[in-house]
Amino acid sequence: RLCAGGTPSLSYQELKDLKKTNILHIDVRERWEIDRFGKIPASVNIPLGELVEALQMDPMEFKEQYNQKMPSKSDPVVFSCLAGTRSKQALSFAMSLGFS
């Protein structure tokens, strides 16, 4: 399931369309889930338990750890997980940190 700020849930096709634009897709599943079920192409895995810390990192540290440019507070970001619960929590965490 997928979550984005203005749209609490997105379809697979909406995500595919968004990925054609400059969007950061953060998969908040655990690493073992990625190993077991596979990685979503062009997504970065930041388990939900690490997300709040990750979104407050120094941009250089973020890039080093996640091999991805750290999003600014106004950059478009989509969160995904398995059932939708964690991605909604991730959205809530990001918004509480000032992400729009």
N, C-alpha and C. Protein backbone atom coordinates (compact mmCIF):
# COMPACT_ATOMS: atom_id res chain seq x y z
N ARG A 1 0.84 -1.18 0.00
CA ARG A 1 0.00 0.00 0.00
C ARG A 1 0.89 1.24 0.00
N LEU A 2 0.38 2.30 -0.56
CA LEU A 2 1.16 3.51 -0.77
C LEU A 2 0.48 4.71 -0.15
N CYS A 3 1.27 5.65 0.34
CA CYS A 3 0.72 6.87 0.93
C CYS A 3 1.47 8.08 0.42
N ALA A 4 0.74 9.15 0.16
CA ALA A 4 1.33 10.44 -0.18
C ALA A 4 0.48 11.51 0.49
N GLY A 5 1.09 12.66 0.77
CA GLY A 5 0.42 13.71 1.55
C GLY A 5 -1.02 14.03 1.20
N GLY A 6 -1.27 14.52 -0.02
CA GLY A 6 -2.61 14.93 -0.38
C GLY A 6 -3.53 13.75 -0.63
N THR A 7 -2.96 12.62 -0.98
CA THR A 7 -3.74 11.42 -1.30
C THR A 7 -3.31 10.31 -0.36
N PRO A 8 -4.11 9.99 0.65
CA PRO A 8 -3.68 8.98 1.62
C PRO A 8 -3.34 7.62 0.99
N SER A 9 -3.92 7.29 -0.14
CA SER A 9 -3.49 6.05 -0.78
C SER A 9 -3.48 6.23 -2.30
N LEU A 10 -2.54 5.55 -2.92
CA LEU A 10 -2.34 5.63 -4.35
C LEU A 10 -2.48 4.24 -4.95
N SER A 11 -2.89 4.19 -6.19
CA SER A 11 -2.90 2.91 -6.89
C SER A 11 -1.50 2.65 -7.45
N TYR A 12 -1.29 1.42 -7.87
CA TYR A 12 -0.02 1.05 -8.48
C TYR A 12 0.23 1.92 -9.72
N GLN A 13 -0.79 2.13 -10.54
CA GLN A 13 -0.64 2.94 -11.75
C GLN A 13 -0.30 4.39 -11.40
N GLU A 14 -0.94 4.93 -10.36
CA GLU A 14 -0.62 6.31 -9.93
C GLU A 14 0.83 6.41 -9.49
N LEU A 15 1.32 5.38 -8.79
CA LEU A 15 2.72 5.39 -8.37
C LEU A 15 3.63 5.33 -9.59
N LYS A 16 3.31 4.46 -10.54
CA LYS A 16 4.12 4.37 -11.76
C LYS A 16 4.18 5.72 -12.47
N ASP A 17 3.06 6.40 -12.54
CA ASP A 17 3.02 7.72 -13.18
C ASP A 17 3.86 8.73 -12.39
N LEU A 18 3.74 8.69 -11.06
CA LEU A 18 4.51 9.61 -10.22
C LEU A 18 6.01 9.36 -10.35
N LYS A 19 6.39 8.09 -10.50
CA LYS A 19 7.82 7.76 -10.58
C LYS A 19 8.46 8.31 -11.85
N LYS A 20 7.64 8.74 -12.82
CA LYS A 20 8.18 9.38 -14.03
C LYS A 20 8.60 10.81 -13.72
N THR A 21 8.13 11.33 -12.58
CA THR A 21 8.50 12.68 -12.15
C THR A 21 9.61 12.55 -11.11
N ASN A 22 10.02 13.64 -10.54
CA ASN A 22 11.11 13.63 -9.56
C ASN A 22 10.55 13.38 -8.17
N ILE A 23 10.33 12.10 -7.84
CA ILE A 23 9.72 11.75 -6.56
C ILE A 23 10.62 10.78 -5.82
N LEU A 24 10.66 10.88 -4.51
CA LEU A 24 11.41 9.92 -3.71
C LEU A 24 10.41 8.90 -3.16
N HIS A 25 10.65 7.64 -3.45
CA HIS A 25 9.79 6.54 -2.98
C HIS A 25 10.53 5.84 -1.85
N ILE A 26 9.98 5.95 -0.64
CA ILE A 26 10.59 5.31 0.54
C ILE A 26 9.73 4.12 0.94
N ASP A 27 10.35 2.95 0.93
CA ASP A 27 9.71 1.70 1.34
C ASP A 27 10.05 1.51 2.82
N VAL A 28 9.04 1.52 3.69
CA VAL A 28 9.30 1.47 5.13
C VAL A 28 9.19 0.05 5.71
N ARG A 29 9.18 -0.96 4.82
CA ARG A 29 9.19 -2.34 5.32
C ARG A 29 10.54 -2.66 5.95
N GLU A 30 10.57 -3.72 6.75
CA GLU A 30 11.82 -4.17 7.36
C GLU A 30 12.73 -4.78 6.30
N ARG A 31 14.04 -4.79 6.57
CA ARG A 31 15.00 -5.32 5.59
C ARG A 31 14.72 -6.78 5.25
N TRP A 32 14.30 -7.58 6.24
CA TRP A 32 14.03 -8.99 5.96
C TRP A 32 12.85 -9.14 4.99
N GLU A 33 11.91 -8.19 5.04
CA GLU A 33 10.77 -8.24 4.11
C GLU A 33 11.24 -7.95 2.68
N ILE A 34 12.18 -7.02 2.55
CA ILE A 34 12.74 -6.70 1.24
C ILE A 34 13.47 -7.94 0.70
N ASP A 35 14.27 -8.58 1.57
CA ASP A 35 15.00 -9.79 1.17
C ASP A 35 14.04 -10.89 0.75
N ARG A 36 12.96 -11.03 1.50
CA ARG A 36 12.02 -12.13 1.25
C ARG A 36 11.07 -11.87 0.09
N PHE A 37 10.54 -10.65 0.01
CA PHE A 37 9.50 -10.35 -0.98
C PHE A 37 9.99 -9.50 -2.15
N GLY A 38 11.20 -8.97 -2.05
CA GLY A 38 11.76 -8.20 -3.15
C GLY A 38 11.67 -6.70 -2.95
N LYS A 39 12.59 -6.01 -3.65
CA LYS A 39 12.68 -4.56 -3.59
C LYS A 39 11.83 -3.96 -4.71
N ILE A 40 11.18 -2.87 -4.42
CA ILE A 40 10.43 -2.15 -5.43
C ILE A 40 11.45 -1.30 -6.20
N PRO A 41 11.52 -1.46 -7.53
CA PRO A 41 12.51 -0.71 -8.30
C PRO A 41 12.43 0.80 -8.02
N ALA A 42 13.61 1.41 -7.97
CA ALA A 42 13.75 2.86 -7.76
C ALA A 42 13.16 3.34 -6.43
N SER A 43 13.15 2.46 -5.43
CA SER A 43 12.73 2.88 -4.09
C SER A 43 13.94 2.78 -3.16
N VAL A 44 13.86 3.48 -2.05
CA VAL A 44 14.90 3.38 -1.03
C VAL A 44 14.25 2.77 0.21
N ASN A 45 14.92 1.78 0.80
CA ASN A 45 14.38 1.12 1.97
C ASN A 45 14.88 1.82 3.23
N ILE A 46 13.94 2.39 3.99
CA ILE A 46 14.23 2.95 5.31
C ILE A 46 13.17 2.36 6.23
N PRO A 47 13.52 1.31 7.00
CA PRO A 47 12.52 0.72 7.89
C PRO A 47 11.88 1.79 8.78
N LEU A 48 10.59 1.60 9.06
CA LEU A 48 9.83 2.59 9.82
C LEU A 48 10.54 2.99 11.11
N GLY A 49 11.15 2.04 11.80
CA GLY A 49 11.85 2.33 13.06
C GLY A 49 13.04 3.26 12.91
N GLU A 50 13.55 3.42 11.70
CA GLU A 50 14.70 4.31 11.43
C GLU A 50 14.27 5.64 10.82
N LEU A 51 13.02 5.73 10.42
CA LEU A 51 12.59 6.85 9.58
C LEU A 51 12.75 8.22 10.23
N VAL A 52 12.28 8.38 11.46
CA VAL A 52 12.35 9.69 12.12
C VAL A 52 13.80 10.14 12.22
N GLU A 53 14.68 9.24 12.61
CA GLU A 53 16.10 9.57 12.70
C GLU A 53 16.67 9.90 11.32
N ALA A 54 16.31 9.10 10.32
CA ALA A 54 16.83 9.30 8.96
C ALA A 54 16.43 10.67 8.41
N LEU A 55 15.18 11.07 8.64
CA LEU A 55 14.69 12.34 8.10
C LEU A 55 15.27 13.55 8.82
N GLN A 56 16.01 13.30 9.91
CA GLN A 56 16.65 14.40 10.64
C GLN A 56 18.18 14.37 10.49
N MET A 57 18.68 13.44 9.67
CA MET A 57 20.12 13.30 9.48
C MET A 57 20.70 14.50 8.74
N ASP A 58 22.00 14.61 8.84
CA ASP A 58 22.75 15.51 7.99
C ASP A 58 22.62 14.96 6.56
N PRO A 59 22.38 15.81 5.56
CA PRO A 59 22.20 15.31 4.19
C PRO A 59 23.34 14.42 3.67
N MET A 60 24.57 14.72 4.06
CA MET A 60 25.71 13.89 3.62
C MET A 60 25.62 12.50 4.25
N GLU A 61 25.26 12.46 5.52
CA GLU A 61 25.12 11.18 6.24
C GLU A 61 23.98 10.36 5.61
N PHE A 62 22.87 11.01 5.29
CA PHE A 62 21.73 10.35 4.66
C PHE A 62 22.16 9.71 3.34
N LYS A 63 22.86 10.50 2.52
CA LYS A 63 23.33 10.02 1.21
C LYS A 63 24.26 8.82 1.38
N GLU A 64 25.15 8.90 2.38
CA GLU A 64 26.09 7.81 2.64
C GLU A 64 25.35 6.54 3.08
N GLN A 65 24.38 6.68 3.97
CA GLN A 65 23.69 5.52 4.52
C GLN A 65 22.68 4.92 3.55
N TYR A 66 21.96 5.76 2.82
CA TYR A 66 20.86 5.26 1.98
C TYR A 66 21.13 5.37 0.48
N ASN A 67 22.31 5.89 0.12
CA ASN A 67 22.72 5.99 -1.28
C ASN A 67 21.67 6.77 -2.11
N GLN A 68 21.15 7.81 -1.49
CA GLN A 68 20.07 8.59 -2.09
C GLN A 68 20.16 10.00 -1.55
N LYS A 69 19.87 11.00 -2.38
CA LYS A 69 19.86 12.38 -1.91
C LYS A 69 18.74 12.53 -0.87
N MET A 70 19.05 13.18 0.21
CA MET A 70 18.06 13.41 1.25
C MET A 70 16.98 14.36 0.74
N PRO A 71 15.71 14.03 0.98
CA PRO A 71 14.66 14.93 0.50
C PRO A 71 14.61 16.21 1.32
N SER A 72 14.28 17.31 0.66
CA SER A 72 14.03 18.54 1.40
C SER A 72 12.59 18.46 1.92
N LYS A 73 12.24 19.35 2.79
CA LYS A 73 10.91 19.30 3.41
C LYS A 73 9.78 19.54 2.40
N SER A 74 10.12 20.08 1.22
CA SER A 74 9.08 20.32 0.21
C SER A 74 9.14 19.34 -0.96
N ASP A 75 10.11 18.42 -0.96
CA ASP A 75 10.21 17.45 -2.05
C ASP A 75 9.06 16.45 -2.00
N PRO A 76 8.59 16.00 -3.17
CA PRO A 76 7.55 14.98 -3.18
C PRO A 76 8.09 13.62 -2.73
N VAL A 77 7.42 13.02 -1.75
CA VAL A 77 7.84 11.73 -1.19
C VAL A 77 6.61 10.83 -1.12
N VAL A 78 6.81 9.56 -1.46
CA VAL A 78 5.76 8.55 -1.32
C VAL A 78 6.30 7.46 -0.40
N PHE A 79 5.49 7.01 0.53
CA PHE A 79 5.86 5.91 1.43
C PHE A 79 5.07 4.67 1.04
N SER A 80 5.72 3.51 1.16
CA SER A 80 5.00 2.26 0.93
C SER A 80 5.40 1.23 1.97
N CYS A 81 4.51 0.27 2.18
CA CYS A 81 4.77 -0.86 3.08
C CYS A 81 3.97 -2.04 2.55
N LEU A 82 3.65 -2.99 3.39
CA LEU A 82 2.92 -4.17 2.92
C LEU A 82 1.41 -3.95 2.93
N ALA A 83 0.87 -3.45 4.02
CA ALA A 83 -0.59 -3.35 4.16
C ALA A 83 -1.12 -1.92 4.24
N GLY A 84 -0.25 -0.93 4.39
CA GLY A 84 -0.70 0.45 4.45
C GLY A 84 -0.60 1.09 5.82
N THR A 85 -0.50 0.29 6.86
CA THR A 85 -0.45 0.84 8.23
C THR A 85 0.85 1.59 8.47
N ARG A 86 1.98 0.98 8.14
CA ARG A 86 3.27 1.62 8.39
C ARG A 86 3.48 2.83 7.49
N SER A 87 3.00 2.77 6.25
CA SER A 87 3.20 3.93 5.37
C SER A 87 2.39 5.13 5.87
N LYS A 88 1.22 4.88 6.46
CA LYS A 88 0.44 5.98 7.05
C LYS A 88 1.19 6.56 8.25
N GLN A 89 1.80 5.68 9.07
CA GLN A 89 2.60 6.16 10.21
C GLN A 89 3.79 6.98 9.70
N ALA A 90 4.42 6.49 8.65
CA ALA A 90 5.58 7.19 8.07
C ALA A 90 5.18 8.58 7.60
N LEU A 91 4.03 8.67 6.94
CA LEU A 91 3.51 9.96 6.48
C LEU A 91 3.30 10.89 7.66
N SER A 92 2.72 10.37 8.72
CA SER A 92 2.47 11.14 9.93
C SER A 92 3.79 11.64 10.54
N PHE A 93 4.79 10.74 10.64
CA PHE A 93 6.10 11.12 11.19
C PHE A 93 6.71 12.24 10.35
N ALA A 94 6.69 12.06 9.02
CA ALA A 94 7.33 13.05 8.13
C ALA A 94 6.63 14.40 8.28
N MET A 95 5.31 14.39 8.32
CA MET A 95 4.58 15.66 8.45
C MET A 95 4.87 16.31 9.81
N SER A 96 5.03 15.51 10.85
CA SER A 96 5.34 16.08 12.18
C SER A 96 6.73 16.70 12.21
N LEU A 97 7.60 16.27 11.28
CA LEU A 97 8.94 16.84 11.17
C LEU A 97 8.99 18.03 10.21
N GLY A 98 7.83 18.42 9.68
CA GLY A 98 7.75 19.60 8.84
C GLY A 98 7.73 19.32 7.35
N PHE A 99 7.68 18.05 6.96
CA PHE A 99 7.60 17.74 5.53
C PHE A 99 6.18 18.03 5.06
N SER A 100 6.08 18.57 3.84
CA SER A 100 4.75 18.89 3.32
C SER A 100 4.33 17.84 2.31
